């Protein structure tokens, strides 16, 4: 880090980010320089990350054995097992993202790190802001793609289109009341999972469990072959209901 960068890290203003959220990305900084570890740790905490540090590869291995990390920030030049060897061993068993740091800005070193499987490479000295941007970009690339929103759910001979609130059996549109439509939206959002009665009650303050049961029975008369022995909207005794969707 540059002198400017070091000052920025040391003088980072206090913020709520110093106590990062429990689900914030967890970073492991591996560097044998105590001052660099402290500067990086403080700066990354100020950016909202959870941060652990390790002085040696041996220490890092112990932490990796007991904790899950979202990104490793790994110095290349360390006594004993160096960063290249450590990264190579990690890549043999893990896809955890790796950002490599080095005091050497040689092309061969950068190529070696990338060939080993590092996700990015940053040469010292560097500005904290550049580190922050690289970390954010690596985490963004590593994040699994969001599952596409469910457009429709099939159960029995029916298909319910969530956005339109439309229930069809083949080409026939089944008429639903507003409450039945809202209950189907809730049930089809989590097919196979138990939905408490309260979640099916809507926003009506006067709607009680008995009213929900009556509304569910009315819905069953429209979608069940035998409403007295329901196979699609099943009762979970003492809790609520679950919708059994087609595979």
C-alpha atoms as a PDB file:
ATOM      1  CA  UNK A   1       0.000   0.000   0.000  1.00  0.00           C
ATOM      2  CA  UNK A   2       1.194   3.529  -0.648  1.00  0.00           C
ATOM      3  CA  UNK A   3       1.828   6.005   2.139  1.00  0.00           C
ATOM      4  CA  UNK A   4      -1.412   7.698   1.150  1.00  0.00           C
ATOM      5  CA  UNK A   5      -3.200   4.390   1.158  1.00  0.00           C
ATOM      6  CA  UNK A   6      -1.808   3.479   4.559  1.00  0.00           C
ATOM      7  CA  UNK A   7      -3.009   6.759   6.018  1.00  0.00           C
ATOM      8  CA  UNK A   8      -6.434   6.236   4.500  1.00  0.00           C
ATOM      9  CA  UNK A   9      -6.654   2.815   6.096  1.00  0.00           C
ATOM     10  CA  UNK A  10      -5.401   3.936   9.506  1.00  0.00           C
ATOM     11  CA  UNK A  11      -7.551   7.056   9.572  1.00  0.00           C
ATOM     12  CA  UNK A  12     -10.719   5.426   8.258  1.00  0.00           C
ATOM     13  CA  UNK A  13     -13.643   7.089  10.058  1.00  0.00           C
ATOM     14  CA  UNK A  14     -15.640   4.980  12.473  1.00  0.00           C
ATOM     15  CA  UNK A  15     -18.821   3.562  10.999  1.00  0.00           C
ATOM     16  CA  UNK A  16     -21.339   0.779  11.480  1.00  0.00           C
ATOM     17  CA  UNK A  17     -19.260  -1.172   8.962  1.00  0.00           C
ATOM     18  CA  UNK A  18     -16.730  -1.753  11.753  1.00  0.00           C
ATOM     19  CA  UNK A  19     -19.308  -4.259  12.995  1.00  0.00           C
ATOM     20  CA  UNK A  20     -20.157  -6.000   9.725  1.00  0.00           C
ATOM     21  CA  UNK A  21     -23.343  -7.965   9.240  1.00  0.00           C
ATOM     22  CA  UNK A  22     -23.270 -11.669  10.012  1.00  0.00           C
ATOM     23  CA  UNK A  23     -23.869 -12.451   6.335  1.00  0.00           C
ATOM     24  CA  UNK A  24     -21.208 -10.038   5.015  1.00  0.00           C
ATOM     25  CA  UNK A  25     -18.505 -11.696   2.873  1.00  0.00           C
ATOM     26  CA  UNK A  26     -15.760 -13.191   5.035  1.00  0.00           C
ATOM     27  CA  UNK A  27     -12.208 -12.465   3.826  1.00  0.00           C
ATOM     28  CA  UNK A  28      -8.962 -14.112   4.940  1.00  0.00           C
ATOM     29  CA  UNK A  29      -5.857 -11.911   4.672  1.00  0.00           C
ATOM     30  CA  UNK A  30      -2.624 -13.954   4.612  1.00  0.00           C
ATOM     31  CA  UNK A  31       0.538 -11.825   4.936  1.00  0.00           C
ATOM     32  CA  UNK A  32       3.649 -12.185   7.106  1.00  0.00           C
ATOM     33  CA  UNK A  33       3.908  -8.388   7.540  1.00  0.00           C
ATOM     34  CA  UNK A  34       2.035  -7.504  10.728  1.00  0.00           C
ATOM     35  CA  UNK A  35       1.578  -3.862   9.693  1.00  0.00           C
ATOM     36  CA  UNK A  36       0.100  -4.791   6.321  1.00  0.00           C
ATOM     37  CA  UNK A  37      -2.262  -7.271   7.976  1.00  0.00           C
ATOM     38  CA  UNK A  38      -3.467  -4.606  10.393  1.00  0.00           C
ATOM     39  CA  UNK A  39      -3.931  -1.975   7.665  1.00  0.00           C
ATOM     40  CA  UNK A  40      -5.779  -4.324   5.333  1.00  0.00           C
ATOM     41  CA  UNK A  41      -7.934  -5.678   8.133  1.00  0.00           C
ATOM     42  CA  UNK A  42      -8.970  -2.215   9.315  1.00  0.00           C
ATOM     43  CA  UNK A  43      -9.662  -0.919   5.830  1.00  0.00           C
ATOM     44  CA  UNK A  44     -11.697  -3.960   4.755  1.00  0.00           C
ATOM     45  CA  UNK A  45     -13.687  -3.840   7.985  1.00  0.00           C
ATOM     46  CA  UNK A  46     -14.509  -0.216   7.188  1.00  0.00           C
ATOM     47  CA  UNK A  47     -15.770  -1.430   3.806  1.00  0.00           C
ATOM     48  CA  UNK A  48     -18.268  -3.740   5.508  1.00  0.00           C
ATOM     49  CA  UNK A  49     -16.470  -7.085   5.204  1.00  0.00           C
ATOM     50  CA  UNK A  50     -15.790  -9.634   7.910  1.00  0.00           C
ATOM     51  CA  UNK A  51     -12.023 -10.120   8.108  1.00  0.00           C
ATOM     52  CA  UNK A  52      -9.724 -12.771   9.549  1.00  0.00           C
ATOM     53  CA  UNK A  53      -5.939 -12.692   9.257  1.00  0.00           C
ATOM     54  CA  UNK A  54      -3.125 -15.222   9.155  1.00  0.00           C
ATOM     55  CA  UNK A  55       0.625 -14.620   9.501  1.00  0.00           C
ATOM     56  CA  UNK A  56       1.764 -17.853   7.843  1.00  0.00           C
ATOM     57  CA  UNK A  57       0.440 -20.478   5.470  1.00  0.00           C
ATOM     58  CA  UNK A  58       0.272 -22.882   8.416  1.00  0.00           C
ATOM     59  CA  UNK A  59      -1.941 -20.417  10.294  1.00  0.00           C
ATOM     60  CA  UNK A  60      -4.075 -19.920   7.187  1.00  0.00           C
ATOM     61  CA  UNK A  61      -4.560 -23.664   6.760  1.00  0.00           C
ATOM     62  CA  UNK A  62      -5.774 -23.934  10.357  1.00  0.00           C
ATOM     63  CA  UNK A  63      -8.339 -21.169   9.785  1.00  0.00           C
ATOM     64  CA  UNK A  64      -9.499 -22.676   6.494  1.00  0.00           C
ATOM     65  CA  UNK A  65     -10.052 -25.991   8.244  1.00  0.00           C
ATOM     66  CA  UNK A  66     -12.527 -24.454  10.656  1.00  0.00           C
ATOM     67  CA  UNK A  67     -14.128 -21.547   8.783  1.00  0.00           C
ATOM     68  CA  UNK A  68     -15.664 -20.840   5.391  1.00  0.00           C
ATOM     69  CA  UNK A  69     -14.269 -17.834   3.530  1.00  0.00           C
ATOM     70  CA  UNK A  70     -15.605 -15.993   0.505  1.00  0.00           C
ATOM     71  CA  UNK A  71     -12.201 -14.688  -0.637  1.00  0.00           C
ATOM     72  CA  UNK A  72      -8.505 -15.147   0.198  1.00  0.00           C
ATOM     73  CA  UNK A  73      -6.125 -12.187  -0.066  1.00  0.00           C
ATOM     74  CA  UNK A  74      -2.798 -13.949  -0.297  1.00  0.00           C
ATOM     75  CA  UNK A  75       0.719 -12.466  -0.217  1.00  0.00           C
ATOM     76  CA  UNK A  76       3.158 -14.220  -2.530  1.00  0.00           C
ATOM     77  CA  UNK A  77       6.446 -13.713  -0.675  1.00  0.00           C
ATOM     78  CA  UNK A  78       6.246 -15.418   2.708  1.00  0.00           C
ATOM     79  CA  UNK A  79       8.746 -17.488   4.652  1.00  0.00           C
ATOM     80  CA  UNK A  80       8.364 -21.240   4.408  1.00  0.00           C
ATOM     81  CA  UNK A  81       5.604 -22.248   2.000  1.00  0.00           C
ATOM     82  CA  UNK A  82       5.096 -19.276  -0.325  1.00  0.00           C
ATOM     83  CA  UNK A  83       1.853 -17.896  -1.692  1.00  0.00           C
ATOM     84  CA  UNK A  84       2.195 -19.613  -5.061  1.00  0.00           C
ATOM     85  CA  UNK A  85       2.527 -23.055  -3.488  1.00  0.00           C
ATOM     86  CA  UNK A  86      -0.338 -22.354  -1.109  1.00  0.00           C
ATOM     87  CA  UNK A  87      -2.609 -21.146  -3.913  1.00  0.00           C
ATOM     88  CA  UNK A  88      -1.758 -24.228  -5.949  1.00  0.00           C
ATOM     89  CA  UNK A  89      -2.716 -26.540  -3.089  1.00  0.00           C
ATOM     90  CA  UNK A  90      -5.967 -24.635  -2.492  1.00  0.00           C
ATOM     91  CA  UNK A  91      -6.940 -24.891  -6.151  1.00  0.00           C
ATOM     92  CA  UNK A  92      -6.495 -28.655  -6.037  1.00  0.00           C
ATOM     93  CA  UNK A  93      -9.479 -28.921  -3.705  1.00  0.00           C
ATOM     94  CA  UNK A  94     -11.383 -25.613  -3.665  1.00  0.00           C
ATOM     95  CA  UNK A  95     -12.788 -22.895  -5.921  1.00  0.00           C
ATOM     96  CA  UNK A  96     -12.647 -20.166  -3.255  1.00  0.00           C
ATOM     97  CA  UNK A  97     -11.628 -16.895  -4.983  1.00  0.00           C
ATOM     98  CA  UNK A  98      -7.999 -15.803  -4.514  1.00  0.00           C
ATOM     99  CA  UNK A  99      -6.519 -12.318  -4.861  1.00  0.00           C
ATOM    100  CA  UNK A 100      -2.707 -12.457  -4.833  1.00  0.00           C
ATOM    101  CA  UNK A 101      -0.486  -9.650  -3.512  1.00  0.00           C
ATOM    102  CA  UNK A 102       3.191  -9.229  -4.266  1.00  0.00           C
ATOM    103  CA  UNK A 103       5.941  -6.652  -4.022  1.00  0.00           C
ATOM    104  CA  UNK A 104       7.139  -7.781  -7.442  1.00  0.00           C
ATOM    105  CA  UNK A 105       5.454  -6.282 -10.503  1.00  0.00           C
ATOM    106  CA  UNK A 106       7.014  -8.762 -12.887  1.00  0.00           C
ATOM    107  CA  UNK A 107       4.991 -10.164 -15.748  1.00  0.00           C
ATOM    108  CA  UNK A 108       6.205 -13.695 -15.019  1.00  0.00           C
ATOM    109  CA  UNK A 109       4.872 -13.518 -11.465  1.00  0.00           C
ATOM    110  CA  UNK A 110       1.485 -12.304 -12.626  1.00  0.00           C
ATOM    111  CA  UNK A 111       1.261 -15.046 -15.231  1.00  0.00           C
ATOM    112  CA  UNK A 112       2.286 -17.699 -12.718  1.00  0.00           C
ATOM    113  CA  UNK A 113      -0.381 -16.598 -10.250  1.00  0.00           C
ATOM    114  CA  UNK A 114      -3.088 -16.641 -12.908  1.00  0.00           C
ATOM    115  CA  UNK A 115      -1.936 -20.015 -14.247  1.00  0.00           C
ATOM    116  CA  UNK A 116      -2.189 -21.464 -10.756  1.00  0.00           C
ATOM    117  CA  UNK A 117      -5.806 -20.321 -10.633  1.00  0.00           C
ATOM    118  CA  UNK A 118      -5.740 -16.971  -8.818  1.00  0.00           C
ATOM    119  CA  UNK A 119      -8.706 -14.782  -9.732  1.00  0.00           C
ATOM    120  CA  UNK A 120      -6.767 -11.509  -9.718  1.00  0.00           C
ATOM    121  CA  UNK A 121      -3.332 -10.081  -9.002  1.00  0.00           C
ATOM    122  CA  UNK A 122      -2.397  -6.818  -7.287  1.00  0.00           C
ATOM    123  CA  UNK A 123       1.168  -5.509  -7.019  1.00  0.00           C
ATOM    124  CA  UNK A 124       2.387  -3.583  -3.971  1.00  0.00           C
ATOM    125  CA  UNK A 125       2.284  -0.694  -3.349  1.00  0.00           C
ATOM    126  CA  UNK A 126      -1.414  -0.139  -4.103  1.00  0.00           C
ATOM    127  CA  UNK A 127      -4.184   2.235  -3.127  1.00  0.00           C
ATOM    128  CA  UNK A 128      -6.849   0.871  -0.764  1.00  0.00           C
ATOM    129  CA  UNK A 129      -9.572   1.943  -3.195  1.00  0.00           C
ATOM    130  CA  UNK A 130      -8.093  -0.244  -5.908  1.00  0.00           C
ATOM    131  CA  UNK A 131      -8.037  -3.197  -3.527  1.00  0.00           C
ATOM    132  CA  UNK A 132     -11.659  -2.524  -2.599  1.00  0.00           C
ATOM    133  CA  UNK A 133     -12.757  -2.449  -6.238  1.00  0.00           C
ATOM    134  CA  UNK A 134     -10.893  -5.641  -7.075  1.00  0.00           C
ATOM    135  CA  UNK A 135     -12.357  -7.450  -4.067  1.00  0.00           C
ATOM    136  CA  UNK A 136     -15.880  -6.309  -4.981  1.00  0.00           C
ATOM    137  CA  UNK A 137     -15.438  -7.414  -8.600  1.00  0.00           C
ATOM    138  CA  UNK A 138     -14.104 -10.835  -7.636  1.00  0.00           C
ATOM    139  CA  UNK A 139     -16.978 -11.417  -5.208  1.00  0.00           C
ATOM    140  CA  UNK A 140     -19.481 -10.292  -7.828  1.00  0.00           C
ATOM    141  CA  UNK A 141     -18.073 -12.732 -10.395  1.00  0.00           C
ATOM    142  CA  UNK A 142     -18.046 -15.550  -7.842  1.00  0.00           C
ATOM    143  CA  UNK A 143     -21.638 -14.967  -6.762  1.00  0.00           C
ATOM    144  CA  UNK A 144     -23.946 -17.662  -8.167  1.00  0.00           C
ATOM    145  CA  UNK A 145     -26.464 -16.300 -10.669  1.00  0.00           C
ATOM    146  CA  UNK A 146     -29.856 -15.520  -9.234  1.00  0.00           C
ATOM    147  CA  UNK A 147     -32.460 -18.119  -9.991  1.00  0.00           C
ATOM    148  CA  UNK A 148     -34.965 -16.848 -12.552  1.00  0.00           C
ATOM    149  CA  UNK A 149     -38.318 -15.956 -11.010  1.00  0.00           C
ATOM    150  CA  UNK A 150     -40.924 -18.707 -11.159  1.00  0.00           C
ATOM    151  CA  UNK A 151     -43.566 -17.778 -13.696  1.00  0.00           C
ATOM    152  CA  UNK A 152     -45.954 -20.675 -13.240  1.00  0.00           C
ATOM    153  CA  UNK A 153     -46.503 -23.747 -11.079  1.00  0.00           C
ATOM    154  CA  UNK A 154     -48.224 -26.941 -12.218  1.00  0.00           C
ATOM    155  CA  UNK A 155     -50.271 -29.102  -9.869  1.00  0.00           C
ATOM    156  CA  UNK A 156     -52.615 -31.875 -10.920  1.00  0.00           C
ATOM    157  CA  UNK A 157     -54.192 -30.842 -14.254  1.00  0.00           C
ATOM    158  CA  UNK A 158     -53.818 -27.141 -13.357  1.00  0.00           C
ATOM    159  CA  UNK A 159     -51.263 -24.436 -14.064  1.00  0.00           C
ATOM    160  CA  UNK A 160     -51.185 -21.264 -11.959  1.00  0.00           C
ATOM    161  CA  UNK A 161     -49.504 -18.192 -13.473  1.00  0.00           C
ATOM    162  CA  UNK A 162     -48.208 -16.175 -10.535  1.00  0.00           C
ATOM    163  CA  UNK A 163     -47.819 -12.757 -12.163  1.00  0.00           C
ATOM    164  CA  UNK A 164     -51.283 -12.837 -13.764  1.00  0.00           C
ATOM    165  CA  UNK A 165     -52.915 -14.657 -10.878  1.00  0.00           C
ATOM    166  CA  UNK A 166     -54.518 -16.916 -13.471  1.00  0.00           C
ATOM    167  CA  UNK A 167     -55.453 -20.557 -12.926  1.00  0.00           C
ATOM    168  CA  UNK A 168     -55.898 -22.757 -16.000  1.00  0.00           C
ATOM    169  CA  UNK A 169     -56.890 -26.334 -16.663  1.00  0.00           C
ATOM    170  CA  UNK A 170     -55.754 -26.814 -20.225  1.00  0.00           C
ATOM    171  CA  UNK A 171     -57.298 -23.919 -22.149  1.00  0.00           C
ATOM    172  CA  UNK A 172     -60.010 -23.333 -19.544  1.00  0.00           C
ATOM    173  CA  UNK A 173     -59.554 -20.401 -17.146  1.00  0.00           C
ATOM    174  CA  UNK A 174     -60.789 -21.251 -13.646  1.00  0.00           C
ATOM    175  CA  UNK A 175     -62.569 -18.378 -11.969  1.00  0.00           C
ATOM    176  CA  UNK A 176     -60.981 -17.389  -8.639  1.00  0.00           C
ATOM    177  CA  UNK A 177     -61.957 -14.936  -5.951  1.00  0.00           C
ATOM    178  CA  UNK A 178     -59.346 -12.390  -4.861  1.00  0.00           C
ATOM    179  CA  UNK A 179     -58.697 -14.353  -1.657  1.00  0.00           C
ATOM    180  CA  UNK A 180     -58.302 -17.644  -3.515  1.00  0.00           C
ATOM    181  CA  UNK A 181     -55.888 -15.986  -5.920  1.00  0.00           C
ATOM    182  CA  UNK A 182     -53.788 -14.579  -3.070  1.00  0.00           C
ATOM    183  CA  UNK A 183     -53.741 -17.903  -1.232  1.00  0.00           C
ATOM    184  CA  UNK A 184     -52.582 -19.681  -4.379  1.00  0.00           C
ATOM    185  CA  UNK A 185     -49.820 -17.099  -4.825  1.00  0.00           C
ATOM    186  CA  UNK A 186     -48.586 -17.784  -1.297  1.00  0.00           C
ATOM    187  CA  UNK A 187     -48.827 -21.563  -1.644  1.00  0.00           C
ATOM    188  CA  UNK A 188     -47.181 -21.726  -5.086  1.00  0.00           C
ATOM    189  CA  UNK A 189     -44.319 -19.457  -4.047  1.00  0.00           C
ATOM    190  CA  UNK A 190     -43.098 -22.276  -1.766  1.00  0.00           C
ATOM    191  CA  UNK A 191     -44.441 -25.504  -3.263  1.00  0.00           C
ATOM    192  CA  UNK A 192     -43.981 -28.503  -1.000  1.00  0.00           C
ATOM    193  CA  UNK A 193     -43.292 -26.318   2.039  1.00  0.00           C
ATOM    194  CA  UNK A 194     -45.650 -25.858   4.969  1.00  0.00           C
ATOM    195  CA  UNK A 195     -47.363 -22.449   4.949  1.00  0.00           C
ATOM    196  CA  UNK A 196     -48.776 -21.319   8.327  1.00  0.00           C
ATOM    197  CA  UNK A 197     -52.418 -20.320   8.429  1.00  0.00           C
ATOM    198  CA  UNK A 198     -51.419 -16.781   9.402  1.00  0.00           C
ATOM    199  CA  UNK A 199     -49.555 -16.402   6.109  1.00  0.00           C
ATOM    200  CA  UNK A 200     -52.730 -17.333   4.235  1.00  0.00           C
ATOM    201  CA  UNK A 201     -54.921 -14.946   6.209  1.00  0.00           C
ATOM    202  CA  UNK A 202     -53.928 -11.868   4.210  1.00  0.00           C
ATOM    203  CA  UNK A 203     -54.015  -8.435   5.798  1.00  0.00           C
ATOM    204  CA  UNK A 204     -57.516  -8.669   7.201  1.00  0.00           C
ATOM    205  CA  UNK A 205     -57.334  -8.184  10.959  1.00  0.00           C
ATOM    206  CA  UNK A 206     -60.607 -10.072  11.480  1.00  0.00           C
ATOM    207  CA  UNK A 207     -59.509 -13.123   9.530  1.00  0.00           C
ATOM    208  CA  UNK A 208     -59.032 -16.016  11.916  1.00  0.00           C
ATOM    209  CA  UNK A 209     -57.828 -19.589  11.494  1.00  0.00           C
ATOM    210  CA  UNK A 210     -61.391 -20.867  11.044  1.00  0.00           C
ATOM    211  CA  UNK A 211     -61.970 -18.386   8.216  1.00  0.00           C
ATOM    212  CA  UNK A 212     -58.764 -19.514   6.511  1.00  0.00           C
ATOM    213  CA  UNK A 213     -59.917 -23.135   6.749  1.00  0.00           C
ATOM    214  CA  UNK A 214     -63.237 -22.220   5.122  1.00  0.00           C
ATOM    215  CA  UNK A 215     -61.469 -20.343   2.313  1.00  0.00           C
ATOM    216  CA  UNK A 216     -59.088 -23.245   1.708  1.00  0.00           C
ATOM    217  CA  UNK A 217     -62.028 -25.660   1.515  1.00  0.00           C
ATOM    218  CA  UNK A 218     -63.664 -23.429  -1.119  1.00  0.00           C
ATOM    219  CA  UNK A 219     -60.427 -23.418  -3.102  1.00  0.00           C
ATOM    220  CA  UNK A 220     -60.195 -27.198  -2.829  1.00  0.00           C
ATOM    221  CA  UNK A 221     -63.647 -27.562  -4.385  1.00  0.00           C
ATOM    222  CA  UNK A 222     -62.204 -25.936  -7.513  1.00  0.00           C
ATOM    223  CA  UNK A 223     -58.941 -27.881  -7.812  1.00  0.00           C
ATOM    224  CA  UNK A 224     -59.333 -31.202  -5.983  1.00  0.00           C
ATOM    225  CA  UNK A 225     -60.914 -34.284  -7.523  1.00  0.00           C
ATOM    226  CA  UNK A 226     -62.133 -35.236  -4.028  1.00  0.00           C
ATOM    227  CA  UNK A 227     -62.131 -32.160  -1.725  1.00  0.00           C
ATOM    228  CA  UNK A 228     -62.721 -34.386   1.313  1.00  0.00           C
ATOM    229  CA  UNK A 229     -59.492 -36.265   0.525  1.00  0.00           C
ATOM    230  CA  UNK A 230     -57.255 -33.485  -0.850  1.00  0.00           C
ATOM    231  CA  UNK A 231     -54.104 -34.411  -2.754  1.00  0.00           C
ATOM    232  CA  UNK A 232     -53.002 -30.937  -3.925  1.00  0.00           C
ATOM    233  CA  UNK A 233     -53.574 -28.592  -0.974  1.00  0.00           C
ATOM    234  CA  UNK A 234     -52.797 -30.808   1.998  1.00  0.00           C
ATOM    235  CA  UNK A 235     -53.422 -30.015   5.652  1.00  0.00           C
ATOM    236  CA  UNK A 236     -50.458 -29.907   8.028  1.00  0.00           C
ATOM    237  CA  UNK A 237     -52.212 -30.504  11.310  1.00  0.00           C
ATOM    238  CA  UNK A 238     -51.829 -27.727  13.847  1.00  0.00           C
ATOM    239  CA  UNK A 239     -49.770 -25.552  11.482  1.00  0.00           C
ATOM    240  CA  UNK A 240     -51.294 -24.803   8.101  1.00  0.00           C
ATOM    241  CA  UNK A 241     -51.199 -26.137   4.562  1.00  0.00           C
ATOM    242  CA  UNK A 242     -48.818 -27.157   1.798  1.00  0.00           C
ATOM    243  CA  UNK A 243     -49.260 -27.368  -1.944  1.00  0.00           C
ATOM    244  CA  UNK A 244     -48.040 -30.498  -3.702  1.00  0.00           C
ATOM    245  CA  UNK A 245     -46.795 -29.435  -7.140  1.00  0.00           C
ATOM    246  CA  UNK A 246     -46.170 -31.691 -10.116  1.00  0.00           C
ATOM    247  CA  UNK A 247     -42.563 -32.847 -10.654  1.00  0.00           C
END
